[in-house]
Amino acid sequence: MAQAATFITGFLIILGLFIYLIRRVSRRYSDRIDATIFARIERVIIAGILLGVVGMFQPWLFVGYKLGFQLLLLSTLAFIVWSHVTPAPTIYRAEE
């Protein structure tokens, strides 16, 4: 019973810290990053997810599996955080 309580407590602490990180990043960068830079960062994160999946499913090297898993994990967490950031609004000028 004590192991379950320790696990649940640790899990809730880690989850709370991740939520805190998401809130901090969102407050810091929302409406401050240009839409083109935002899209580039998002594409890099998605490419990391795709490379991680390829690394995990390639059958030749075990080290590719290990690195692919780590890349997939970090890219997925980065995508979750980045999805809470909104790019700065684009300002259009009226042509005269």
PDB file of N, CA and C in Angstrom:
ATOM      1  N   MET A   1       0.818  -1.197   0.000  1.00  0.00           N
ATOM      2  CA  MET A   1       0.000   0.000   0.000  1.00  0.00           C
ATOM      3  C   MET A   1       0.864   1.264   0.000  1.00  0.00           C
ATOM      4  N   ALA A   2       1.987   1.207   0.727  1.00  0.00           N
ATOM      5  CA  ALA A   2       2.868   2.371   0.804  1.00  0.00           C
ATOM      6  C   ALA A   2       3.526   2.650  -0.543  1.00  0.00           C
ATOM      7  N   GLN A   3       3.827   1.587  -1.306  1.00  0.00           N
ATOM      8  CA  GLN A   3       4.430   1.790  -2.625  1.00  0.00           C
ATOM      9  C   GLN A   3       3.457   2.485  -3.567  1.00  0.00           C
ATOM     10  N   ALA A   4       2.192   2.128  -3.493  1.00  0.00           N
ATOM     11  CA  ALA A   4       1.194   2.759  -4.352  1.00  0.00           C
ATOM     12  C   ALA A   4       1.041   4.231  -4.002  1.00  0.00           C
ATOM     13  N   ALA A   5       1.014   4.540  -2.719  1.00  0.00           N
ATOM     14  CA  ALA A   5       0.890   5.935  -2.293  1.00  0.00           C
ATOM     15  C   ALA A   5       2.106   6.743  -2.719  1.00  0.00           C
ATOM     16  N   THR A   6       3.293   6.145  -2.610  1.00  0.00           N
ATOM     17  CA  THR A   6       4.514   6.829  -3.045  1.00  0.00           C
ATOM     18  C   THR A   6       4.489   7.078  -4.543  1.00  0.00           C
ATOM     19  N   PHE A   7       4.063   6.080  -5.304  1.00  0.00           N
ATOM     20  CA  PHE A   7       3.988   6.235  -6.757  1.00  0.00           C
ATOM     21  C   PHE A   7       2.990   7.319  -7.143  1.00  0.00           C
ATOM     22  N   ILE A   8       1.810   7.287  -6.560  1.00  0.00           N
ATOM     23  CA  ILE A   8       0.778   8.275  -6.898  1.00  0.00           C
ATOM     24  C   ILE A   8       1.229   9.669  -6.500  1.00  0.00           C
ATOM     25  N   THR A   9       1.852   9.804  -5.337  1.00  0.00           N
ATOM     26  CA  THR A   9       2.355  11.107  -4.908  1.00  0.00           C
ATOM     27  C   THR A   9       3.427  11.623  -5.861  1.00  0.00           C
ATOM     28  N   GLY A  10       4.371  10.768  -6.226  1.00  0.00           N
ATOM     29  CA  GLY A  10       5.411  11.171  -7.177  1.00  0.00           C
ATOM     30  C   GLY A  10       4.840  11.534  -8.529  1.00  0.00           C
ATOM     31  N   PHE A  11       3.882  10.747  -8.998  1.00  0.00           N
ATOM     32  CA  PHE A  11       3.244  11.028 -10.283  1.00  0.00           C
ATOM     33  C   PHE A  11       2.540  12.375 -10.261  1.00  0.00           C
ATOM     34  N   LEU A  12       1.800  12.658  -9.194  1.00  0.00           N
ATOM     35  CA  LEU A  12       1.088  13.935  -9.100  1.00  0.00           C
ATOM     36  C   LEU A  12       2.052  15.112  -8.996  1.00  0.00           C
ATOM     37  N   ILE A  13       3.177  14.920  -8.330  1.00  0.00           N
ATOM     38  CA  ILE A  13       4.181  15.991  -8.253  1.00  0.00           C
ATOM     39  C   ILE A  13       4.760  16.267  -9.634  1.00  0.00           C
ATOM     40  N   ILE A  14       5.128  15.215 -10.364  1.00  0.00           N
ATOM     41  CA  ILE A  14       5.683  15.396 -11.710  1.00  0.00           C
ATOM     42  C   ILE A  14       4.654  16.031 -12.635  1.00  0.00           C
ATOM     43  N   LEU A  15       3.407  15.580 -12.553  1.00  0.00           N
ATOM     44  CA  LEU A  15       2.344  16.157 -13.377  1.00  0.00           C
ATOM     45  C   LEU A  15       2.127  17.625 -13.041  1.00  0.00           C
ATOM     46  N   GLY A  16       2.141  17.957 -11.765  1.00  0.00           N
ATOM     47  CA  GLY A  16       1.989  19.353 -11.354  1.00  0.00           C
ATOM     48  C   GLY A  16       3.128  20.225 -11.852  1.00  0.00           C
ATOM     49  N   LEU A  17       4.349  19.706 -11.807  1.00  0.00           N
ATOM     50  CA  LEU A  17       5.493  20.469 -12.317  1.00  0.00           C
ATOM     51  C   LEU A  17       5.398  20.674 -13.824  1.00  0.00           C
ATOM     52  N   PHE A  18       4.917  19.661 -14.544  1.00  0.00           N
ATOM     53  CA  PHE A  18       4.758  19.793 -15.992  1.00  0.00           C
ATOM     54  C   PHE A  18       3.682  20.823 -16.324  1.00  0.00           C
ATOM     55  N   ILE A  19       2.588  20.824 -15.579  1.00  0.00           N
ATOM     56  CA  ILE A  19       1.537  21.827 -15.781  1.00  0.00           C
ATOM     57  C   ILE A  19       2.077  23.218 -15.469  1.00  0.00           C
ATOM     58  N   TYR A  20       2.877  23.338 -14.423  1.00  0.00           N
ATOM     59  CA  TYR A  20       3.492  24.615 -14.083  1.00  0.00           C
ATOM     60  C   TYR A  20       4.408  25.090 -15.209  1.00  0.00           C
ATOM     61  N   LEU A  21       5.197  24.173 -15.782  1.00  0.00           N
ATOM     62  CA  LEU A  21       6.066  24.519 -16.909  1.00  0.00           C
ATOM     63  C   LEU A  21       5.244  25.005 -18.101  1.00  0.00           C
ATOM     64  N   ILE A  22       4.155  24.324 -18.394  1.00  0.00           N
ATOM     65  CA  ILE A  22       3.299  24.732 -19.510  1.00  0.00           C
ATOM     66  C   ILE A  22       2.756  26.138 -19.277  1.00  0.00           C
ATOM     67  N   ARG A  23       2.292  26.410 -18.084  1.00  0.00           N
ATOM     68  CA  ARG A  23       1.750  27.741 -17.786  1.00  0.00           C
ATOM     69  C   ARG A  23       2.823  28.820 -17.902  1.00  0.00           C
ATOM     70  N   ARG A  24       4.030  28.532 -17.404  1.00  0.00           N
ATOM     71  CA  ARG A  24       5.116  29.524 -17.479  1.00  0.00           C
ATOM     72  C   ARG A  24       5.499  29.828 -18.916  1.00  0.00           C
ATOM     73  N   VAL A  25       5.668  28.784 -19.713  1.00  0.00           N
ATOM     74  CA  VAL A  25       6.044  28.969 -21.119  1.00  0.00           C
ATOM     75  C   VAL A  25       4.935  29.697 -21.865  1.00  0.00           C
ATOM     76  N   SER A  26       3.696  29.334 -21.599  1.00  0.00           N
ATOM     77  CA  SER A  26       2.573  29.973 -22.277  1.00  0.00           C
ATOM     78  C   SER A  26       2.495  31.458 -21.937  1.00  0.00           C
ATOM     79  N   ARG A  27       2.640  31.784 -20.679  1.00  0.00           N
ATOM     80  CA  ARG A  27       2.603  33.200 -20.285  1.00  0.00           C
ATOM     81  C   ARG A  27       3.788  33.977 -20.851  1.00  0.00           C
ATOM     82  N   ARG A  28       4.929  33.330 -20.925  1.00  0.00           N
ATOM     83  CA  ARG A  28       6.144  34.022 -21.382  1.00  0.00           C
ATOM     84  C   ARG A  28       6.129  34.284 -22.881  1.00  0.00           C
ATOM     85  N   TYR A  29       5.660  33.322 -23.680  1.00  0.00           N
ATOM     86  CA  TYR A  29       5.825  33.417 -25.124  1.00  0.00           C
ATOM     87  C   TYR A  29       4.540  33.665 -25.909  1.00  0.00           C
ATOM     88  N   SER A  30       3.374  33.525 -25.308  1.00  0.00           N
ATOM     89  CA  SER A  30       2.138  33.745 -26.062  1.00  0.00           C
ATOM     90  C   SER A  30       2.033  35.197 -26.509  1.00  0.00           C
ATOM     91  N   ASP A  31       1.623  35.373 -27.752  1.00  0.00           N
ATOM     92  CA  ASP A  31       1.443  36.686 -28.389  1.00  0.00           C
ATOM     93  C   ASP A  31       2.736  37.485 -28.488  1.00  0.00           C
ATOM     94  N   ARG A  32       3.882  36.827 -28.391  1.00  0.00           N
ATOM     95  CA  ARG A  32       5.170  37.513 -28.522  1.00  0.00           C
ATOM     96  C   ARG A  32       6.031  36.941 -29.634  1.00  0.00           C
ATOM     97  N   ILE A  33       5.688  35.786 -30.146  1.00  0.00           N
ATOM     98  CA  ILE A  33       6.496  35.131 -31.169  1.00  0.00           C
ATOM     99  C   ILE A  33       5.809  35.293 -32.512  1.00  0.00           C
ATOM    100  N   ASP A  34       6.582  35.708 -33.506  1.00  0.00           N
ATOM    101  CA  ASP A  34       6.058  35.880 -34.854  1.00  0.00           C
ATOM    102  C   ASP A  34       5.517  34.551 -35.386  1.00  0.00           C
ATOM    103  N   ALA A  35       4.481  34.627 -36.201  1.00  0.00           N
ATOM    104  CA  ALA A  35       3.817  33.415 -36.701  1.00  0.00           C
ATOM    105  C   ALA A  35       4.752  32.545 -37.538  1.00  0.00           C
ATOM    106  N   THR A  36       5.666  33.153 -38.297  1.00  0.00           N
ATOM    107  CA  THR A  36       6.576  32.342 -39.115  1.00  0.00           C
ATOM    108  C   THR A  36       7.574  31.584 -38.236  1.00  0.00           C
ATOM    109  N   ILE A  37       8.089  32.230 -37.209  1.00  0.00           N
ATOM    110  CA  ILE A  37       9.005  31.556 -36.286  1.00  0.00           C
ATOM    111  C   ILE A  37       8.261  30.475 -35.509  1.00  0.00           C
ATOM    112  N   PHE A  38       7.040  30.773 -35.112  1.00  0.00           N
ATOM    113  CA  PHE A  38       6.213  29.782 -34.419  1.00  0.00           C
ATOM    114  C   PHE A  38       6.024  28.538 -35.277  1.00  0.00           C
ATOM    115  N   ALA A  39       5.714  28.745 -36.556  1.00  0.00           N
ATOM    116  CA  ALA A  39       5.498  27.612 -37.466  1.00  0.00           C
ATOM    117  C   ALA A  39       6.786  26.815 -37.676  1.00  0.00           C
ATOM    118  N   ARG A  40       7.922  27.494 -37.771  1.00  0.00           N
ATOM    119  CA  ARG A  40       9.202  26.785 -37.934  1.00  0.00           C
ATOM    120  C   ARG A  40       9.515  25.911 -36.726  1.00  0.00           C
ATOM    121  N   ILE A  41       9.320  26.459 -35.539  1.00  0.00           N
ATOM    122  CA  ILE A  41       9.575  25.680 -34.326  1.00  0.00           C
ATOM    123  C   ILE A  41       8.631  24.486 -34.261  1.00  0.00           C
ATOM    124  N   GLU A  42       7.380  24.706 -34.631  1.00  0.00           N
ATOM    125  CA  GLU A  42       6.415  23.608 -34.632  1.00  0.00           C
ATOM    126  C   GLU A  42       6.815  22.512 -35.620  1.00  0.00           C
ATOM    127  N   ARG A  43       7.310  22.912 -36.789  1.00  0.00           N
ATOM    128  CA  ARG A  43       7.762  21.922 -37.781  1.00  0.00           C
ATOM    129  C   ARG A  43       8.973  21.133 -37.284  1.00  0.00           C
ATOM    130  N   VAL A  44       9.887  21.799 -36.596  1.00  0.00           N
ATOM    131  CA  VAL A  44      11.058  21.103 -36.036  1.00  0.00           C
ATOM    132  C   VAL A  44      10.615  20.074 -34.997  1.00  0.00           C
ATOM    133  N   ILE A  45       9.661  20.443 -34.170  1.00  0.00           N
ATOM    134  CA  ILE A  45       9.161  19.506 -33.160  1.00  0.00           C
ATOM    135  C   ILE A  45       8.480  18.314 -33.829  1.00  0.00           C
ATOM    136  N   ILE A  46       7.670  18.568 -34.860  1.00  0.00           N
ATOM    137  CA  ILE A  46       7.001  17.477 -35.574  1.00  0.00           C
ATOM    138  C   ILE A  46       8.022  16.588 -36.271  1.00  0.00           C
ATOM    139  N   ALA A  47       9.072  17.185 -36.832  1.00  0.00           N
ATOM    140  CA  ALA A  47      10.134  16.381 -37.451  1.00  0.00           C
ATOM    141  C   ALA A  47      10.819  15.503 -36.406  1.00  0.00           C
ATOM    142  N   GLY A  48      10.998  16.020 -35.195  1.00  0.00           N
ATOM    143  CA  GLY A  48      11.559  15.207 -34.118  1.00  0.00           C
ATOM    144  C   GLY A  48      10.666  14.027 -33.775  1.00  0.00           C
ATOM    145  N   ILE A  49       9.359  14.243 -33.792  1.00  0.00           N
ATOM    146  CA  ILE A  49       8.425  13.140 -33.540  1.00  0.00           C
ATOM    147  C   ILE A  49       8.554  12.090 -34.632  1.00  0.00           C
ATOM    148  N   LEU A  50       8.592  12.531 -35.882  1.00  0.00           N
ATOM    149  CA  LEU A  50       8.697  11.577 -36.992  1.00  0.00           C
ATOM    150  C   LEU A  50      10.020  10.812 -36.957  1.00  0.00           C
ATOM    151  N   LEU A  51      11.126  11.514 -36.689  1.00  0.00           N
ATOM    152  CA  LEU A  51      12.420  10.833 -36.593  1.00  0.00           C
ATOM    153  C   LEU A  51      12.458   9.852 -35.422  1.00  0.00           C
ATOM    154  N   GLY A  52      11.814  10.216 -34.331  1.00  0.00           N
ATOM    155  CA  GLY A  52      11.745   9.306 -33.196  1.00  0.00           C
ATOM    156  C   GLY A  52      10.981   8.035 -33.522  1.00  0.00           C
ATOM    157  N   VAL A  53       9.882   8.174 -34.256  1.00  0.00           N
ATOM    158  CA  VAL A  53       9.107   6.996 -34.659  1.00  0.00           C
ATOM    159  C   VAL A  53       9.925   6.127 -35.607  1.00  0.00           C
ATOM    160  N   VAL A  54      10.612   6.757 -36.564  1.00  0.00           N
ATOM    161  CA  VAL A  54      11.459   5.995 -37.490  1.00  0.00           C
ATOM    162  C   VAL A  54      12.568   5.283 -36.717  1.00  0.00           C
ATOM    163  N   GLY A  55      13.181   5.972 -35.761  1.00  0.00           N
ATOM    164  CA  GLY A  55      14.228   5.348 -34.960  1.00  0.00           C
ATOM    165  C   GLY A  55      13.726   4.174 -34.143  1.00  0.00           C
ATOM    166  N   MET A  56      12.510   4.275 -33.659  1.00  0.00           N
ATOM    167  CA  MET A  56      11.970   3.173 -32.862  1.00  0.00           C
ATOM    168  C   MET A  56      11.594   1.965 -33.707  1.00  0.00           C
ATOM    169  N   PHE A  57      11.170   2.194 -34.934  1.00  0.00           N
ATOM    170  CA  PHE A  57      10.695   1.084 -35.757  1.00  0.00           C
ATOM    171  C   PHE A  57      11.728   0.534 -36.730  1.00  0.00           C
ATOM    172  N   GLN A  58      12.921   1.099 -36.748  1.00  0.00           N
ATOM    173  CA  GLN A  58      13.952   0.532 -37.626  1.00  0.00           C
ATOM    174  C   GLN A  58      14.470  -0.757 -36.991  1.00  0.00           C
ATOM    175  N   PRO A  59      14.705  -1.785 -37.794  1.00  0.00           N
ATOM    176  CA  PRO A  59      15.050  -3.096 -37.227  1.00  0.00           C
ATOM    177  C   PRO A  59      16.545  -3.392 -37.121  1.00  0.00           C
ATOM    178  N   TRP A  60      17.432  -2.459 -37.449  1.00  0.00           N
ATOM    179  CA  TRP A  60      18.846  -2.782 -37.557  1.00  0.00           C
ATOM    180  C   TRP A  60      19.643  -2.544 -36.288  1.00  0.00           C
ATOM    181  N   LEU A  61      19.461  -1.426 -35.640  1.00  0.00           N
ATOM    182  CA  LEU A  61      20.296  -1.060 -34.496  1.00  0.00           C
ATOM    183  C   LEU A  61      19.448  -0.843 -33.246  1.00  0.00           C
ATOM    184  N   PHE A  62      19.873  -1.467 -32.155  1.00  0.00           N
ATOM    185  CA  PHE A  62      19.157  -1.267 -30.898  1.00  0.00           C
ATOM    186  C   PHE A  62      19.354   0.152 -30.374  1.00  0.00           C
ATOM    187  N   VAL A  63      20.523   0.733 -30.629  1.00  0.00           N
ATOM    188  CA  VAL A  63      20.771   2.100 -30.177  1.00  0.00           C
ATOM    189  C   VAL A  63      19.815   3.071 -30.870  1.00  0.00           C
ATOM    190  N   GLY A  64      19.412   2.758 -32.102  1.00  0.00           N
ATOM    191  CA  GLY A  64      18.413   3.579 -32.792  1.00  0.00           C
ATOM    192  C   GLY A  64      17.080   3.549 -32.080  1.00  0.00           C
ATOM    193  N   TYR A  65      16.748   2.384 -31.524  1.00  0.00           N
ATOM    194  CA  TYR A  65      15.507   2.257 -30.755  1.00  0.00           C
ATOM    195  C   TYR A  65      15.568   3.131 -29.506  1.00  0.00           C
ATOM    196  N   LYS A  66      16.691   3.063 -28.791  1.00  0.00           N
ATOM    197  CA  LYS A  66      16.834   3.840 -27.560  1.00  0.00           C
ATOM    198  C   LYS A  66      16.810   5.339 -27.842  1.00  0.00           C
ATOM    199  N   LEU A  67      17.580   5.767 -28.839  1.00  0.00           N
ATOM    200  CA  LEU A  67      17.606   7.190 -29.175  1.00  0.00           C
ATOM    201  C   LEU A  67      16.271   7.648 -29.757  1.00  0.00           C
ATOM    202  N   GLY A  68      15.651   6.785 -30.555  1.00  0.00           N
ATOM    203  CA  GLY A  68      14.349   7.119 -31.125  1.00  0.00           C
ATOM    204  C   GLY A  68      13.296   7.313 -30.050  1.00  0.00           C
ATOM    205  N   PHE A  69      13.328   6.450 -29.032  1.00  0.00           N
ATOM    206  CA  PHE A  69      12.371   6.589 -27.936  1.00  0.00           C
ATOM    207  C   PHE A  69      12.581   7.900 -27.193  1.00  0.00           C
ATOM    208  N   GLN A  70      13.836   8.224 -26.898  1.00  0.00           N
ATOM    209  CA  GLN A  70      14.124   9.465 -26.178  1.00  0.00           C
ATOM    210  C   GLN A  70      13.726  10.682 -27.001  1.00  0.00           C
ATOM    211  N   LEU A  71      14.027  10.648 -28.309  1.00  0.00           N
ATOM    212  CA  LEU A  71      13.657  11.760 -29.177  1.00  0.00           C
ATOM    213  C   LEU A  71      12.144  11.890 -29.274  1.00  0.00           C
ATOM    214  N   LEU A  72      11.453  10.774 -29.396  1.00  0.00           N
ATOM    215  CA  LEU A  72       9.995  10.796 -29.466  1.00  0.00           C
ATOM    216  C   LEU A  72       9.397  11.332 -28.174  1.00  0.00           C
ATOM    217  N   LEU A  73       9.911  10.915 -27.045  1.00  0.00           N
ATOM    218  CA  LEU A  73       9.409  11.394 -25.756  1.00  0.00           C
ATOM    219  C   LEU A  73       9.610  12.897 -25.607  1.00  0.00           C
ATOM    220  N   LEU A  74      10.827  13.367 -25.855  1.00  0.00           N
ATOM    221  CA  LEU A  74      11.102  14.799 -25.705  1.00  0.00           C
ATOM    222  C   LEU A  74      10.324  15.637 -26.714  1.00  0.00           C
ATOM    223  N   SER A  75      10.212  15.152 -27.945  1.00  0.00           N
ATOM    224  CA  SER A  75       9.470  15.895 -28.965  1.00  0.00           C
ATOM    225  C   SER A  75       7.985  15.944 -28.641  1.00  0.00           C
ATOM    226  N   THR A  76       7.449  14.861 -28.111  1.00  0.00           N
ATOM    227  CA  THR A  76       6.032  14.853 -27.735  1.00  0.00           C
ATOM    228  C   THR A  76       5.769  15.814 -26.583  1.00  0.00           C
ATOM    229  N   LEU A  77       6.636  15.802 -25.580  1.00  0.00           N
ATOM    230  CA  LEU A  77       6.478  16.743 -24.471  1.00  0.00           C
ATOM    231  C   LEU A  77       6.636  18.183 -24.949  1.00  0.00           C
ATOM    232  N   ALA A  78       7.591  18.421 -25.860  1.00  0.00           N
ATOM    233  CA  ALA A  78       7.772  19.765 -26.412  1.00  0.00           C
ATOM    234  C   ALA A  78       6.544  20.194 -27.201  1.00  0.00           C
ATOM    235  N   PHE A  79       5.935  19.266 -27.941  1.00  0.00           N
ATOM    236  CA  PHE A  79       4.739  19.608 -28.708  1.00  0.00           C
ATOM    237  C   PHE A  79       3.574  19.941 -27.779  1.00  0.00           C
ATOM    238  N   ILE A  80       3.450  19.219 -26.685  1.00  0.00           N
ATOM    239  CA  ILE A  80       2.389  19.523 -25.722  1.00  0.00           C
ATOM    240  C   ILE A  80       2.581  20.921 -25.148  1.00  0.00           C
ATOM    241  N   VAL A  81       3.809  21.257 -24.790  1.00  0.00           N
ATOM    242  CA  VAL A  81       4.083  22.594 -24.255  1.00  0.00           C
ATOM    243  C   VAL A  81       3.857  23.648 -25.329  1.00  0.00           C
ATOM    244  N   TRP A  82       4.381  23.424 -26.537  1.00  0.00           N
ATOM    245  CA  TRP A  82       4.313  24.418 -27.607  1.00  0.00           C
ATOM    246  C   TRP A  82       2.878  24.639 -28.085  1.00  0.00           C
ATOM    247  N   SER A  83       2.026  23.628 -27.941  1.00  0.00           N
ATOM    248  CA  SER A  83       0.643  23.784 -28.381  1.00  0.00           C
ATOM    249  C   SER A  83      -0.139  24.737 -27.482  1.00  0.00           C
ATOM    250  N   HIS A  84       0.398  25.092 -26.339  1.00  0.00           N
ATOM    251  CA  HIS A  84      -0.252  26.053 -25.454  1.00  0.00           C
ATOM    252  C   HIS A  84       0.241  27.482 -25.679  1.00  0.00           C
ATOM    253  N   VAL A  85       1.152  27.667 -26.615  1.00  0.00           N
ATOM    254  CA  VAL A  85       1.656  28.997 -26.969  1.00  0.00           C
ATOM    255  C   VAL A  85       0.911  29.467 -28.209  1.00  0.00           C
ATOM    256  N   THR A  86       0.480  30.716 -28.199  1.00  0.00           N
ATOM    257  CA  THR A  86      -0.177  31.277 -29.379  1.00  0.00           C
ATOM    258  C   THR A  86       0.751  32.292 -30.027  1.00  0.00           C
ATOM    259  N   PRO A  87       0.857  32.277 -31.358  1.00  0.00           N
ATOM    260  CA  PRO A  87       1.729  33.245 -32.026  1.00  0.00           C
ATOM    261  C   PRO A  87       1.137  34.650 -31.962  1.00  0.00           C
ATOM    262  N   ALA A  88       2.003  35.618 -32.166  1.00  0.00           N
ATOM    263  CA  ALA A  88       1.550  37.008 -32.184  1.00  0.00           C
ATOM    264  C   ALA A  88       0.629  37.225 -33.374  1.00  0.00           C
ATOM    265  N   PRO A  89      -0.375  38.070 -33.206  1.00  0.00           N
ATOM    266  CA  PRO A  89      -1.275  38.319 -34.337  1.00  0.00           C
ATOM    267  C   PRO A  89      -0.543  39.025 -35.475  1.00  0.00           C
ATOM    268  N   THR A  90      -0.919  38.667 -36.679  1.00  0.00           N
ATOM    269  CA  THR A  90      -0.334  39.293 -37.860  1.00  0.00           C
ATOM    270  C   THR A  90      -1.057  40.604 -38.121  1.00  0.00           C
ATOM    271  N   ILE A  91      -0.281  41.659 -38.303  1.00  0.00           N
ATOM    272  CA  ILE A  91      -0.860  42.979 -38.550  1.00  0.00           C
ATOM    273  C   ILE A  91      -0.797  43.256 -40.042  1.00  0.00           C
ATOM    274  N   TYR A  92      -1.943  43.476 -40.613  1.00  0.00           N
ATOM    275  CA  TYR A  92      -2.031  43.793 -42.033  1.00  0.00           C
ATOM    276  C   TYR A  92      -2.251  45.289 -42.190  1.00  0.00           C
ATOM    277  N   ARG A  93      -1.553  45.873 -43.164  1.00  0.00           N
ATOM    278  CA  ARG A  93      -1.738  47.293 -43.454  1.00  0.00           C
ATOM    279  C   ARG A  93      -2.607  47.444 -44.685  1.00  0.00           C
ATOM    280  N   ALA A  94      -3.475  48.402 -44.628  1.00  0.00           N
ATOM    281  CA  ALA A  94      -4.333  48.663 -45.786  1.00  0.00           C
ATOM    282  C   ALA A  94      -3.520  49.425 -46.828  1.00  0.00           C
ATOM    283  N   GLU A  95      -3.572  48.942 -48.049  1.00  0.00           N
ATOM    284  CA  GLU A  95      -2.855  49.612 -49.136  1.00  0.00           C
ATOM    285  C   GLU A  95      -3.687  50.784 -49.625  1.00  0.00           C
ATOM    286  N   GLU A  96      -3.022  51.896 -49.833  1.00  0.00           N
ATOM    287  CA  GLU A  96      -3.736  53.092 -50.294  1.00  0.00           C
ATOM    288  C   GLU A  96      -3.558  53.301 -51.763  1.00  0.00           C
TER     289      GLU A  96
END
